[in-house]
Protein backbone atom coordinates (compact mmCIF):
# COMPACT_ATOMS: atom_id res chain seq x y z
CA MET A 1 1.08 -6.68 3.83
CA HIS A 2 -0.66 -3.66 2.35
CA THR A 3 1.38 -0.89 3.96
CA PHE A 4 1.06 2.86 4.38
CA VAL A 5 4.29 4.83 4.95
CA THR A 6 4.30 8.45 6.10
CA GLY A 7 7.50 10.33 5.32
CA ALA A 8 7.98 7.95 2.39
CA ALA A 9 10.37 10.25 0.49
CA GLY A 10 12.65 10.90 3.45
CA PHE A 11 15.98 9.40 4.43
CA VAL A 12 14.74 6.46 6.50
CA GLY A 13 11.26 6.38 4.96
CA SER A 14 12.42 5.87 1.38
CA SER A 15 14.89 3.20 2.48
CA LEU A 16 12.05 1.40 4.25
CA VAL A 17 9.81 1.70 1.17
CA ASP A 18 12.47 0.00 -0.95
CA ARG A 19 12.82 -2.86 1.53
CA LEU A 20 9.07 -3.39 1.80
CA LEU A 21 8.72 -3.54 -1.98
CA GLN A 22 11.65 -5.95 -2.26
CA ALA A 23 9.88 -8.23 0.23
CA GLY A 24 6.76 -8.27 -1.97
CA HIS A 25 4.55 -5.95 0.09
CA SER A 26 2.42 -3.22 -1.47
CA VAL A 27 3.18 0.33 -0.36
CA VAL A 28 1.22 3.57 -0.34
CA GLY A 29 3.76 6.32 0.23
CA PHE A 30 2.52 9.55 1.83
CA ASP A 31 4.71 12.66 1.79
CA ASP A 32 4.38 16.40 1.22
CA PHE A 33 7.99 16.72 -0.06
CA SER A 34 8.76 19.60 2.26
CA THR A 35 12.00 17.79 3.14
CA GLY A 36 11.61 14.48 1.30
CA ARG A 37 13.22 14.06 -2.11
CA PRO A 38 11.54 12.50 -5.15
CA GLU A 39 14.96 11.16 -6.19
CA PHE A 40 14.88 8.80 -3.21
CA LEU A 41 11.77 7.10 -4.63
CA ALA A 42 13.24 6.45 -8.08
CA ALA A 43 13.26 2.67 -7.61
CA ALA A 44 9.83 2.66 -5.96
CA TYR A 45 8.24 4.53 -8.88
CA ARG A 46 9.20 1.61 -11.15
CA ASP A 47 7.39 -0.93 -8.95
CA THR A 48 3.74 -1.61 -9.69
CA ASN A 49 3.16 -2.32 -5.98
CA PHE A 50 3.95 1.31 -5.12
CA ARG A 51 1.58 4.27 -5.13
CA LEU A 52 2.47 7.78 -4.02
CA GLU A 53 0.02 10.16 -2.36
CA ARG A 54 1.35 13.69 -2.08
CA GLY A 55 -0.11 15.12 1.09
CA SER A 56 0.57 16.42 4.58
CA VAL A 57 0.15 14.45 7.79
CA LEU A 58 -1.63 17.56 9.07
CA ASP A 59 -4.46 16.79 6.62
CA GLY A 60 -6.21 13.94 8.38
CA SER A 61 -9.02 13.61 5.85
CA HIS A 62 -6.61 13.16 2.95
CA MET A 63 -4.61 10.63 4.93
CA GLN A 64 -7.72 8.64 5.79
CA ARG A 65 -8.74 8.43 2.13
CA ALA A 66 -5.24 7.40 1.07
CA MET A 67 -5.05 4.75 3.79
CA GLN A 68 -8.10 2.80 2.64
CA GLY A 69 -7.28 -0.85 2.00
CA CYS A 70 -4.04 -0.84 4.00
CA ASP A 71 -3.46 -3.09 6.99
CA PHE A 72 -0.21 -1.72 8.44
CA VAL A 73 1.02 1.85 8.97
CA PHE A 74 4.66 2.91 9.29
CA HIS A 75 4.63 6.46 10.70
CA LEU A 76 7.99 8.09 10.03
CA ALA A 77 7.01 11.64 9.05
CA ALA A 78 8.15 14.18 11.64
CA ASN A 79 9.84 17.47 12.27
CA ALA A 80 13.39 16.49 13.11
CA ASP A 81 14.69 20.06 13.39
CA VAL A 82 16.00 19.47 16.91
CA ARG A 83 18.60 22.19 17.05
CA PHE A 84 16.29 25.09 16.16
CA GLY A 85 13.20 23.88 18.01
CA LEU A 86 13.05 26.93 20.27
CA ASP A 87 12.84 29.19 17.22
CA HIS A 88 9.46 27.71 16.23
CA PRO A 89 7.97 25.92 19.26
CA ARG A 90 4.61 25.24 17.59
CA ARG A 91 6.25 23.12 14.88
CA ASP A 92 7.04 20.15 17.13
CA LEU A 93 3.50 20.18 18.50
CA ASP A 94 1.93 20.23 15.05
CA GLN A 95 4.21 17.93 13.13
CA ASN A 96 5.04 15.37 15.82
CA VAL A 97 2.03 15.33 18.16
CA ILE A 98 -0.98 16.51 16.14
CA ALA A 99 0.29 14.65 13.08
CA THR A 100 0.52 11.42 15.10
CA TRP A 101 -3.02 11.93 16.37
CA ASN A 102 -4.13 12.39 12.75
CA VAL A 103 -2.43 9.10 11.83
CA LEU A 104 -4.15 7.29 14.68
CA GLU A 105 -7.55 8.74 13.80
CA ALA A 106 -7.08 7.80 10.15
CA MET A 107 -6.18 4.27 11.25
CA ARG A 108 -9.27 4.07 13.44
CA ALA A 109 -11.55 5.28 10.65
CA SER A 110 -9.92 2.96 8.12
CA HIS A 111 -9.90 -0.08 10.46
CA VAL A 112 -6.11 -0.42 10.39
CA GLY A 113 -4.91 -2.14 13.54
CA ARG A 114 -1.10 -2.16 13.38
CA LEU A 115 1.43 0.65 13.59
CA ALA A 116 5.21 1.07 13.62
CA PHE A 117 6.44 4.45 14.89
CA THR A 118 9.92 5.95 14.86
CA SER A 119 10.53 7.76 18.13
CA THR A 120 13.87 8.94 19.49
CA GLY A 121 16.45 8.32 22.19
CA SER A 122 16.14 12.04 22.94
CA ILE A 123 13.06 11.29 25.06
CA TYR A 124 15.46 10.07 27.79
CA GLY A 125 16.88 13.59 28.09
CA GLU A 126 19.99 13.58 30.26
CA SER A 127 19.45 10.14 31.70
CA ARG A 128 21.30 9.06 34.82
CA VAL A 129 21.21 5.44 33.64
CA ILE A 130 23.87 4.75 30.99
CA PRO A 131 23.48 2.77 28.80
CA THR A 132 19.79 3.66 29.00
CA PRO A 133 17.18 0.86 28.89
CA GLU A 134 13.58 1.26 27.74
CA ASP A 135 12.28 1.24 31.33
CA ALA A 136 14.68 3.89 32.65
CA PRO A 137 13.14 6.67 34.76
CA PHE A 138 12.31 9.68 32.64
CA PRO A 139 14.13 12.88 33.61
CA ILE A 140 12.86 16.39 32.97
CA GLN A 141 12.55 16.85 29.20
CA ASN A 142 15.20 19.17 27.80
CA SER A 143 14.09 19.57 24.16
CA LEU A 144 10.79 20.30 22.46
CA TYR A 145 11.56 17.56 19.95
CA GLY A 146 12.04 14.91 22.64
CA ALA A 147 8.97 16.10 24.54
CA SER A 148 6.82 15.95 21.40
CA LYS A 149 7.98 12.44 20.55
CA LEU A 150 7.24 11.29 24.09
CA ALA A 151 3.76 12.81 23.83
CA ALA A 152 3.25 10.95 20.53
CA GLU A 153 4.27 7.70 22.22
CA GLY A 154 1.68 8.36 24.91
CA LEU A 155 -1.05 8.87 22.34
CA ILE A 156 -0.10 5.66 20.56
CA SER A 157 -0.14 3.64 23.77
CA ALA A 158 -3.52 5.07 24.76
CA TYR A 159 -5.03 4.30 21.35
CA CYS A 160 -3.71 0.75 21.57
CA GLU A 161 -5.38 0.29 24.93
CA GLY A 162 -8.58 2.07 24.00
CA PHE A 163 -9.12 0.82 20.46
CA GLY A 164 -7.33 -2.53 20.39
CA MET A 165 -4.49 -1.44 18.11
CA ARG A 166 -1.02 -2.95 18.24
CA ALA A 167 2.12 -0.81 18.02
CA HIS A 168 5.87 -1.10 17.69
CA ILE A 169 7.72 1.98 18.93
CA PHE A 170 11.39 2.42 18.07
CA ARG A 171 13.54 4.86 20.04
CA LEU A 172 16.34 5.62 17.60
CA VAL A 173 19.78 7.05 17.97
CA SER A 174 20.99 9.22 15.07
CA ILE A 175 20.78 7.30 11.80
CA MET A 176 23.60 7.31 9.23
CA GLY A 177 24.06 6.11 5.68
CA GLU A 178 22.85 6.59 2.14
CA ARG A 179 20.18 9.31 1.63
CA TYR A 180 21.28 11.13 4.80
CA THR A 181 20.09 14.73 4.51
CA HIS A 182 20.69 16.49 7.81
CA GLY A 183 22.95 16.24 10.83
CA HIS A 184 26.50 16.83 11.92
CA VAL A 185 28.18 14.79 9.16
CA LEU A 186 26.48 16.85 6.45
CA ASP A 187 27.25 20.07 8.34
CA PHE A 188 30.95 19.17 8.68
CA TYR A 189 31.25 18.01 5.07
CA ARG A 190 29.63 21.19 3.75
CA GLN A 191 31.96 23.33 5.86
CA LEU A 192 35.02 21.45 4.65
CA LEU A 193 33.98 21.95 1.03
CA GLN A 194 33.61 25.69 1.64
CA HIS A 195 36.73 26.20 3.76
CA PRO A 196 38.93 23.08 4.04
CA GLY A 197 41.43 24.86 6.28
CA HIS A 198 39.18 25.19 9.31
CA LEU A 199 36.10 23.60 10.86
CA TYR A 200 33.70 25.19 13.33
CA VAL A 201 32.23 22.79 15.92
CA LEU A 202 29.31 23.49 18.27
CA GLY A 203 30.19 22.74 21.89
CA ASP A 204 33.52 21.23 22.87
CA GLY A 205 33.44 18.19 20.55
CA LYS A 206 33.30 15.83 23.51
CA GLN A 207 29.57 15.15 23.25
CA LYS A 208 29.11 11.38 23.29
CA LYS A 209 26.57 9.83 20.93
CA SER A 210 25.67 6.49 19.44
CA TYR A 211 24.73 6.11 15.78
CA LEU A 212 23.19 3.40 13.60
CA TYR A 213 23.46 2.53 9.91
CA VAL A 214 20.13 3.00 8.12
CA GLN A 215 19.91 -0.54 6.73
CA ASP A 216 20.63 -2.00 10.18
CA CYS A 217 17.83 0.18 11.53
CA ILE A 218 15.36 -1.15 8.96
CA GLU A 219 16.46 -4.75 9.56
CA ALA A 220 15.60 -4.31 13.23
CA ILE A 221 12.22 -2.74 12.53
CA LEU A 222 11.14 -5.49 10.15
CA LEU A 223 12.48 -8.28 12.36
CA SER A 224 10.53 -7.08 15.39
CA LEU A 225 7.13 -6.92 13.69
CA GLU A 226 6.40 -10.63 14.09
CA ALA A 227 8.79 -11.43 16.92
CA ALA A 228 7.27 -9.05 19.48
CA PRO A 229 3.56 -9.79 20.05
CA GLU A 230 2.66 -7.38 22.87
CA ARG A 231 0.03 -4.69 22.39
CA VAL A 232 2.70 -2.00 22.74
CA ASN A 233 6.28 -3.06 21.95
CA ILE A 234 9.02 -0.53 22.70
CA PHE A 235 12.60 -0.98 21.48
CA ASN A 236 15.75 1.07 21.69
CA LEU A 237 17.70 0.93 18.43
CA GLY A 238 21.40 1.73 18.44
CA LEU A 239 24.83 0.18 18.70
CA ASP A 240 26.66 -1.25 21.67
CA GLU A 241 29.19 1.55 21.32
CA TYR A 242 29.34 5.33 21.23
CA SER A 243 31.77 7.94 19.99
CA GLU A 244 32.62 11.56 20.58
CA VAL A 245 31.91 14.22 18.00
CA ASN A 246 35.68 14.63 17.84
CA HIS A 247 35.94 11.04 16.62
CA SER A 248 33.57 11.78 13.75
CA ILE A 249 35.65 14.82 12.86
CA ARG A 250 38.83 12.74 12.74
CA TRP A 251 37.25 9.99 10.61
CA ILE A 252 35.74 12.49 8.16
CA CYS A 253 38.96 14.46 7.81
CA GLU A 254 41.07 11.31 7.38
CA HIS A 255 38.72 10.10 4.66
CA LEU A 256 38.90 13.45 2.85
CA GLY A 257 42.66 13.83 3.39
CA LEU A 258 42.25 17.13 5.21
CA HIS A 259 43.87 18.63 8.33
CA PRO A 260 41.73 21.63 9.28
CA GLU A 261 42.11 23.84 12.32
CA ILE A 262 39.26 22.93 14.68
CA ARG A 263 37.43 25.88 16.23
CA TYR A 264 35.12 25.00 19.12
CA GLY A 265 32.10 27.00 20.24
CA GLY A 266 32.62 25.91 23.84
CA GLY A 267 30.43 24.31 26.50
CA ASP A 268 29.50 20.66 26.89
CA ARG A 269 26.62 20.69 24.38
CA GLY A 270 25.92 22.09 20.96
CA TRP A 271 22.65 23.90 21.71
CA VAL A 272 19.88 24.17 24.30
CA GLY A 273 18.32 20.71 24.52
CA ASP A 274 21.35 18.85 23.19
CA SER A 275 22.09 15.89 25.46
CA PRO A 276 25.86 15.54 25.94
CA PHE A 277 25.67 11.73 26.31
CA ILE A 278 23.19 9.46 24.51
CA TYR A 279 23.93 5.74 24.70
CA LEU A 280 21.04 3.27 24.68
CA ASN A 281 20.80 -0.25 26.05
CA CYS A 282 19.57 -2.30 23.07
CA ALA A 283 19.52 -5.74 24.70
CA ARG A 284 15.76 -6.10 24.17
CA MET A 285 16.18 -5.84 20.40
CA ARG A 286 19.35 -7.92 20.44
CA ASN A 287 17.47 -10.71 22.20
CA LEU A 288 15.29 -11.07 19.10
CA GLY A 289 18.39 -12.06 17.13
CA TRP A 290 19.22 -8.67 15.62
CA THR A 291 22.91 -7.95 14.99
CA PRO A 292 23.96 -4.69 13.32
CA ARG A 293 26.38 -5.07 10.43
CA LEU A 294 28.24 -1.75 10.61
CA GLY A 295 29.93 0.06 13.46
CA ILE A 296 29.92 3.81 13.98
CA ARG A 297 33.09 4.59 12.02
CA GLU A 298 31.90 2.58 9.01
CA SER A 299 28.48 4.27 9.16
CA VAL A 300 30.04 7.75 9.21
CA ILE A 301 32.30 6.93 6.25
CA ARG A 302 29.36 5.48 4.26
CA THR A 303 27.52 8.74 4.90
CA VAL A 304 30.42 10.88 3.67
CA GLN A 305 30.77 8.71 0.57
CA PHE A 306 27.09 9.21 -0.21
CA LEU A 307 27.47 12.98 0.15
CA GLN A 308 30.56 12.95 -2.07
CA GLN A 309 28.62 11.17 -4.79
CA ASN A 310 25.46 13.27 -4.38
CA HIS A 311 26.33 16.94 -4.00
CA TRP A 312 22.80 17.81 -5.07
CA VAL A 313 21.70 16.80 -1.55
CA LEU A 314 23.69 19.72 -0.12
CA ASN A 315 22.07 22.20 -2.50
CA ALA A 316 18.59 20.69 -2.07
CA ARG A 317 18.85 20.95 1.69
CA GLU A 318 19.88 24.60 1.53
CA ALA A 319 16.95 25.40 -0.77
CA THR A 320 14.33 23.51 1.22
CA PRO A 321 12.78 24.88 4.44
CA VAL A 322 12.67 22.46 7.35
CA SER A 323 9.06 21.33 7.68
CA ALA A 324 6.88 18.29 8.16
CA GLY A 325 6.70 15.30 5.91
CA SER A 326 9.78 13.14 5.74
CA ALA A 327 12.02 10.92 7.81
C-alpha cells in the first residue's frame, strides 16, 4: 500500500508508521508537530519508503498535495485534550470535525478510496449497556471531545455512502505503552517525581476504565483492513477487563517502591464530561481472530517503564501547548 498517515509523529501514529514500514508499505507522514515528537520518527527517517510532510490537517490544500499517489489514509491526528475541552470549545470542532472533513475532501480530490479512522469509546457517554457494543443506543453526549468524534464518524459514513469510499472506524479505549505522552499514568508519575510522599487524584479513584496496549491496538487495526469488507466497518478496541483508577495507582506505586498519601478531589468523576465507567464489548473484533497480548496491569507498567527511561517526554509535554496534529 501507499499510505498517508495524519498525526504521524504522535504516540499511536508513530507506532503505526513503524509497523507499516516494517510490512513493506510506503508511508507519507503528515504532522504539524504541535504535540507530535520528531524523536518518535527516528526509525522512520532511516527508511527510504518514508516521507514526512510537515503540515496541519486544517490546511486542506497542503494535505491534498501531499496525498497525491497514496491509496490508503490513516487519520489519527486529533485534539485529545478531553479534560480541558470546555476551556476552548472551538478546538474540538476545528481539530476533530473540520480536520476530518479536510481529510475526506483531500481523499476525494486525490481519488483515494480507503480510510482508517481512530475514534473513541467516549462517544458512548454514560452508556446504560455495559460492556458496550458498537450498536448500543447513544446517550446524551457529555463531552465536547466525544461529540466531535461522533460528528467525524458521521461525516465519514456519509462520504462513504455518497462517494463510494470504504472506511474502518475504531472506537478506542485509552491506549498505553511506549511513546505515551498524556494521560493519568504520566500525570501520576510526574507528581510522584515531584512529591513522592503524596499523590493528588481527581475524583474518588473509583472511576472504572479499560485500557489497551499500543501494539495490540495496531495489530487489531491492521488485521481488520482485509478481514472486514463492508463499506463502513466499526470496531470497538479494548480489553475484556477493566480496572479502577485506584488499581493503576497501586500498580504504579508498587513498581516505583513508593507509599504516598492519596488525596482525592472527590466526586465520582475527574472532570465535567468524564465518564465514570467505560468498558467496551469487543466481540466483533475478537471474532476476526484478534487476541491482545497484554492485560491492563502489564500495559500500565510498560508505560511507566517508558517514562522512566524517557524523562524528556515529561519536559517536552510541559513545554508544548495542546493542539492539533498528533495521535
